[in-house]
Protein backbone atom coordinates (compact mmCIF):
# COMPACT_ATOMS: atom_id res chain seq x y z
CA MET A 1 70.01 73.60 -55.97
CA GLU A 2 68.54 75.29 -59.02
CA ILE A 3 72.01 75.77 -60.50
CA LEU A 4 72.82 72.05 -59.93
CA LYS A 5 69.59 71.10 -61.63
CA MET A 6 70.44 73.37 -64.56
CA LEU A 7 73.94 71.98 -64.87
CA ALA A 8 72.90 68.40 -64.37
CA ALA A 9 71.86 67.87 -68.03
CA PRO A 10 75.03 69.39 -69.60
CA LEU A 11 77.28 67.52 -67.13
CA ILE A 12 75.47 64.23 -67.69
CA GLY A 13 75.79 64.87 -71.47
CA ALA A 14 79.48 65.57 -71.08
CA VAL A 15 80.04 62.36 -69.06
CA ILE A 16 78.02 60.32 -71.61
CA GLY A 17 79.87 61.90 -74.53
CA TYR A 18 83.24 61.28 -72.89
CA PHE A 19 82.64 57.64 -72.17
CA THR A 20 80.91 57.04 -75.50
CA ASN A 21 83.91 58.26 -77.37
CA TYR A 22 86.33 56.51 -75.00
CA ILE A 23 84.51 53.21 -75.58
CA ALA A 24 84.47 53.89 -79.33
CA VAL A 25 88.23 54.40 -79.38
CA LYS A 26 88.80 51.28 -77.32
CA MET A 27 86.51 49.32 -79.62
CA LEU A 28 88.92 50.03 -82.44
CA PHE A 29 91.11 47.35 -80.90
CA PHE A 30 88.91 45.36 -78.51
CA PRO A 31 87.64 42.84 -78.20
CA GLN A 32 90.27 41.00 -80.21
CA HIS A 33 88.02 37.99 -80.99
CA GLU A 34 84.39 37.35 -81.62
CA VAL A 35 82.19 37.24 -78.55
CA TYR A 36 79.19 34.90 -78.35
CA PHE A 37 76.17 35.07 -76.07
CA MET A 38 73.64 32.20 -76.12
CA GLY A 39 75.06 30.95 -79.38
CA HIS A 40 74.85 34.34 -81.14
CA ARG A 41 77.73 36.67 -82.02
CA VAL A 42 77.63 39.90 -80.07
CA PRO A 43 77.49 42.85 -82.54
CA PHE A 44 80.67 44.85 -83.11
CA THR A 45 82.91 41.96 -82.08
CA PRO A 46 85.74 41.66 -82.70
CA GLY A 47 86.91 45.26 -82.73
CA ALA A 48 87.19 47.25 -85.93
CA ILE A 49 90.94 46.78 -86.45
CA PRO A 50 91.15 43.13 -85.48
CA LYS A 51 88.25 42.42 -87.80
CA GLY A 52 89.58 44.43 -90.66
CA LYS A 53 93.26 43.63 -90.15
CA PRO A 54 93.86 41.81 -93.47
CA ARG A 55 92.11 44.53 -95.43
CA LEU A 56 93.97 47.25 -93.49
CA ALA A 57 97.28 45.56 -94.09
CA LYS A 58 96.63 45.22 -97.79
CA ALA A 59 95.55 48.90 -98.06
CA VAL A 60 98.55 50.20 -96.12
CA GLY A 61 100.89 47.99 -98.08
CA ARG A 62 99.51 49.27 -101.34
CA VAL A 63 99.83 52.92 -100.28
CA VAL A 64 103.36 52.43 -99.02
CA GLY A 65 104.42 50.43 -102.06
CA THR A 66 102.94 52.78 -104.72
CA GLU A 67 102.68 56.21 -103.12
CA LEU A 68 105.08 56.57 -100.14
CA VAL A 69 108.13 54.57 -101.35
CA THR A 70 108.75 54.91 -105.07
CA LYS A 71 111.80 54.44 -107.29
CA ASP A 72 111.89 58.13 -108.11
CA ASP A 73 111.76 59.09 -104.41
CA ILE A 74 114.70 56.74 -103.59
CA LYS A 75 116.76 57.98 -106.52
CA ALA A 76 116.08 61.61 -105.64
CA LYS A 77 117.18 61.02 -102.12
CA LEU A 78 120.36 59.17 -103.12
CA LEU A 79 121.44 61.34 -106.04
CA GLY A 80 122.70 64.87 -106.29
CA GLY A 81 122.84 65.82 -102.63
CA GLU A 82 124.47 65.29 -99.29
CA ILE A 83 124.50 61.48 -99.52
CA GLU A 84 126.35 61.50 -102.83
CA GLU A 85 128.80 64.06 -101.52
CA ARG A 86 129.44 62.04 -98.35
CA ILE A 87 130.05 58.89 -100.29
CA THR A 88 132.55 60.58 -102.57
CA ASP A 89 134.31 62.25 -99.64
CA THR A 90 134.43 58.92 -97.77
CA ILE A 91 135.97 57.09 -100.71
CA THR A 92 138.57 59.80 -101.16
CA ALA A 93 139.40 59.76 -97.46
CA GLU A 94 139.76 55.97 -97.46
CA LEU A 95 142.08 56.08 -100.46
CA SER A 96 144.34 58.47 -98.51
CA ASN A 97 145.25 55.72 -96.09
CA LYS A 98 148.02 53.22 -96.64
CA LEU A 99 146.91 50.21 -98.68
CA LYS A 100 148.27 47.89 -95.96
CA ASP A 101 146.14 49.61 -93.32
CA GLU A 102 143.02 49.40 -95.51
CA ILE A 103 143.49 45.75 -96.19
CA CYS A 104 143.93 45.05 -92.49
CA LYS A 105 140.87 47.11 -91.62
CA LEU A 106 138.68 45.43 -94.28
CA THR A 107 139.84 41.91 -93.46
CA LYS A 108 140.19 42.60 -89.69
CA CYS A 109 143.66 41.09 -89.67
CA SER A 110 146.68 41.91 -87.56
CA GLU A 111 149.93 43.21 -88.93
CA GLU A 112 151.48 39.79 -88.25
CA THR A 113 148.72 38.12 -90.37
CA TYR A 114 149.23 40.74 -93.09
CA ALA A 115 152.97 40.08 -93.12
CA ASP A 116 152.45 36.30 -93.31
CA GLY A 117 149.96 36.74 -96.14
CA SER A 118 152.34 39.07 -97.97
CA SER A 119 155.11 36.50 -97.63
CA LYS A 120 152.93 33.74 -99.02
CA LEU A 121 151.82 35.97 -101.89
CA SER A 122 155.40 36.82 -102.78
CA GLU A 123 156.29 33.14 -102.65
CA MET A 124 153.37 32.26 -104.95
CA LEU A 125 154.08 35.10 -107.44
CA SER A 126 157.81 34.36 -107.48
CA ARG A 127 157.25 30.65 -108.13
CA GLN A 128 154.75 31.46 -110.92
CA ILE A 129 157.22 33.87 -112.51
CA VAL A 130 160.06 31.32 -112.37
CA ASP A 131 157.83 28.52 -113.75
CA GLU A 132 156.70 30.79 -116.60
CA LEU A 133 160.32 31.77 -117.43
CA THR A 134 161.42 28.19 -117.31
CA ALA A 135 158.61 27.04 -119.64
CA SER A 136 159.02 30.02 -122.02
CA GLN A 137 161.26 30.38 -125.06
CA LEU A 138 163.21 33.15 -123.36
CA PRO A 139 166.58 31.17 -123.21
CA GLU A 140 166.36 30.41 -126.98
CA ILE A 141 165.48 34.03 -127.74
CA VAL A 142 168.47 35.26 -125.67
CA VAL A 143 170.82 32.79 -127.38
CA SER A 144 169.47 33.80 -130.81
CA LYS A 145 170.01 37.46 -130.08
CA CYS A 146 173.51 36.74 -128.86
CA ASN A 147 174.24 34.79 -132.10
CA ASP A 148 173.03 37.80 -134.16
CA SER A 149 175.06 40.19 -132.10
CA ILE A 150 178.26 38.08 -132.38
CA GLN A 151 177.80 37.63 -136.12
CA GLU A 152 177.26 41.34 -136.55
CA LYS A 153 180.47 42.11 -134.68
CA LEU A 154 182.50 39.61 -136.58
CA SER A 155 181.11 40.67 -140.00
CA THR A 156 183.36 43.72 -139.97
CA THR A 157 186.49 41.84 -139.02
CA MET A 158 188.78 39.28 -140.67
CA PHE A 159 187.30 36.53 -138.45
CA ALA A 160 184.02 36.60 -140.40
CA LYS A 161 185.20 33.83 -142.81
CA LEU A 162 187.16 31.93 -140.19
CA ILE A 163 184.19 31.57 -137.82
CA PRO A 164 181.04 30.94 -139.84
CA GLU A 165 177.55 31.24 -138.45
CA GLU A 166 177.16 27.46 -137.94
CA LYS A 167 180.23 27.42 -135.81
CA ILE A 168 178.91 30.24 -133.64
CA GLN A 169 175.62 28.42 -133.16
CA SER A 170 177.33 25.19 -132.21
CA PHE A 171 179.14 27.11 -129.44
CA THR A 172 176.00 28.89 -128.13
CA ALA A 173 173.45 26.11 -128.58
CA PRO A 174 174.06 24.50 -125.18
CA LEU A 175 173.57 27.89 -123.45
CA ALA A 176 169.77 27.78 -123.82
CA GLY A 177 169.55 24.60 -121.83
CA LYS A 178 172.01 25.79 -119.21
CA MET A 179 170.15 29.09 -118.87
CA ARG A 180 166.80 27.23 -118.40
CA SER A 181 168.37 24.97 -115.75
CA MET A 182 169.86 28.04 -113.99
CA ILE A 183 166.44 29.82 -113.97
CA GLU A 184 164.81 26.69 -112.56
CA ARG A 185 167.50 26.16 -109.92
CA ASP A 186 168.33 29.71 -108.84
CA GLY A 187 165.36 31.78 -110.11
CA MET A 188 163.60 31.98 -106.75
CA GLU A 189 166.73 33.30 -105.08
CA PHE A 190 166.75 36.29 -107.42
CA VAL A 191 163.10 36.86 -108.07
CA LYS A 192 161.63 36.54 -104.63
CA PRO A 193 163.49 39.44 -102.98
CA VAL A 194 162.45 41.71 -105.75
CA ILE A 195 158.77 40.71 -105.40
CA GLU A 196 158.96 41.10 -101.64
CA ASN A 197 160.34 44.61 -101.91
CA LYS A 198 157.69 45.53 -104.49
CA LEU A 199 154.88 44.21 -102.29
CA THR A 200 156.27 46.08 -99.27
CA ASP A 201 156.46 49.38 -101.25
CA PHE A 202 152.98 48.68 -102.60
CA GLY A 203 151.51 48.24 -99.12
CA GLU A 204 153.11 51.47 -97.82
CA LYS A 205 151.55 53.52 -100.62
CA SER A 206 148.13 55.02 -100.37
CA GLY A 207 145.32 54.43 -102.92
CA MET A 208 145.69 58.03 -104.10
CA GLU A 209 149.42 57.57 -104.71
CA LEU A 210 148.74 54.48 -106.79
CA LEU A 211 146.03 56.30 -108.73
CA GLU A 212 148.36 59.21 -109.43
CA LEU A 213 150.69 56.76 -111.18
CA ILE A 214 147.93 56.40 -113.86
CA LYS A 215 147.30 60.16 -113.89
CA VAL A 216 144.20 60.17 -111.69
CA ASP A 217 144.23 63.07 -109.25
CA GLU A 218 141.76 63.81 -106.41
CA GLU A 219 139.54 65.97 -108.62
CA ARG A 220 139.39 63.27 -111.33
CA LEU A 221 138.74 60.63 -108.74
CA GLY A 222 135.76 62.63 -107.44
CA GLU A 223 134.34 62.86 -110.97
CA LEU A 224 134.81 59.11 -111.56
CA THR A 225 133.42 58.14 -108.18
CA GLY A 226 130.34 60.35 -108.72
CA LYS A 227 129.79 58.86 -112.18
CA ILE A 228 130.10 55.29 -110.96
CA TYR A 229 127.82 56.05 -107.96
CA ARG A 230 125.10 57.62 -110.08
CA SER A 231 125.20 54.79 -112.55
CA ALA A 232 124.96 52.23 -109.77
CA VAL A 233 122.07 54.00 -108.20
CA ASN A 234 120.12 54.37 -111.49
CA ASN A 235 120.72 50.67 -112.39
CA TYR A 236 120.33 49.01 -109.03
CA VAL A 237 117.36 50.93 -107.57
CA ASP A 238 115.31 49.70 -110.54
CA LYS A 239 116.51 46.14 -109.97
CA LEU A 240 115.84 46.52 -106.26
CA PHE A 241 112.21 47.38 -106.83
CA GLU A 242 111.91 44.49 -109.26
CA LYS A 243 113.18 42.09 -106.66
CA LEU A 244 111.49 43.56 -103.62
CA ASP A 245 107.73 43.92 -103.33
CA PHE A 246 107.43 46.65 -100.69
CA ALA A 247 103.62 46.48 -100.67
CA ALA A 248 103.73 42.72 -99.94
CA MET A 249 106.44 43.27 -97.29
CA VAL A 250 104.36 45.87 -95.42
CA GLU A 251 101.25 43.76 -95.73
CA ASP A 252 103.00 40.68 -94.31
CA LYS A 253 104.48 42.76 -91.52
CA ILE A 254 101.10 44.14 -90.44
CA ASN A 255 99.39 40.74 -90.66
CA GLY A 256 102.10 39.22 -88.51
CA MET A 257 101.75 41.93 -85.93
CA SER A 258 99.71 41.30 -82.76
CA VAL A 259 96.76 43.59 -81.96
CA GLU A 260 98.54 44.74 -78.79
CA LYS A 261 101.53 45.86 -80.87
CA MET A 262 99.25 47.66 -83.34
CA GLU A 263 97.54 49.48 -80.52
CA GLN A 264 100.81 50.44 -79.02
CA LEU A 265 102.03 51.86 -82.34
CA VAL A 266 98.86 53.80 -82.91
CA GLN A 267 98.94 55.12 -79.37
CA THR A 268 102.57 56.23 -79.89
CA VAL A 269 101.73 58.13 -83.04
CA MET A 270 98.20 59.41 -82.26
CA LYS A 271 97.81 59.41 -78.53
CA LYS A 272 97.15 63.14 -78.41
CA GLU A 273 94.66 62.96 -81.30
CA LEU A 274 92.75 60.05 -79.78
CA GLY A 275 92.62 61.93 -76.47
CA THR A 276 91.28 64.92 -78.32
CA ILE A 277 88.48 62.79 -79.81
CA VAL A 278 87.48 61.50 -76.37
CA ASN A 279 87.56 65.08 -74.89
CA LEU A 280 85.57 66.34 -77.90
CA GLY A 281 82.87 63.77 -77.07
CA ALA A 282 82.59 65.28 -73.57
CA LEU A 283 82.42 68.84 -75.05
CA ILE A 284 79.75 67.87 -77.56
CA GLY A 285 77.76 66.12 -74.84
CA PHE A 286 78.00 69.18 -72.61
CA VAL A 287 76.92 71.53 -75.47
CA LEU A 288 73.97 69.27 -76.43
CA GLY A 289 72.87 69.09 -72.80
CA LEU A 290 73.15 72.88 -72.50
CA PHE A 291 71.27 73.33 -75.77
CA ASN A 292 68.47 71.02 -74.50
CA LEU A 293 68.28 73.09 -71.32
CA ILE A 294 67.93 76.30 -73.34
CA ILE A 295 65.21 74.85 -75.57
CA LYS A 296 63.16 73.89 -72.49
């Protein structure tokens, strides 16, 4: 019995300390609204976090927007490391695929749709080429060059005086109109197969093969891609931070969050620490009770 009496004070202190800290932790979130008794607001209602939610949201938003997420941090993460290397490697890998396959993948089209689109494109390009040739001065230029060539050939023969330049031009003059009519009438028949073959060959080539035509190899492509990527990051991260107010975004997010959700998040992150505070209350209560027993 004497031992129980001796331990009673420390144990009661531990229980009081435990529940005091437990209630204190709970009062961070509860009650969620003001509580009134006989027309007077009960002290410490609402809980600390519901009461100070706007101020907490503003403070967290300011810290996130100015200290935790900065332009320099984003740039450092995006530049000169694994991300930059992955992007460069991904672009190079994509350019190794056939252009036709890449187009189908990007547009999510079938091979039949691609073939139909290619046919329409060749039709459009062929028609545009024929129209441009018809409207151009090409027939007149060809006839003029023919006149010059004929005159040059005749100039060294005895026919030079018998067939003057005006006579030659009178013979060749109608050719320009006939040539234009022929282009307009039969141009598609000759131009379209050529365009179709070129588009087919173009689709079967990879991006790297096309780049090699202009003397850009894989090493040079990596340099160019890295340069463009770094320039884009440096330019657009600054613009991104001008357009997006991260502090305001975080503040709005917290203000729009329910108290239950906030408690759930805090418990997820700090459940162990909050439990330690509650248990520490019990320990302190036990020690104080023991200390009070020793003093007596």
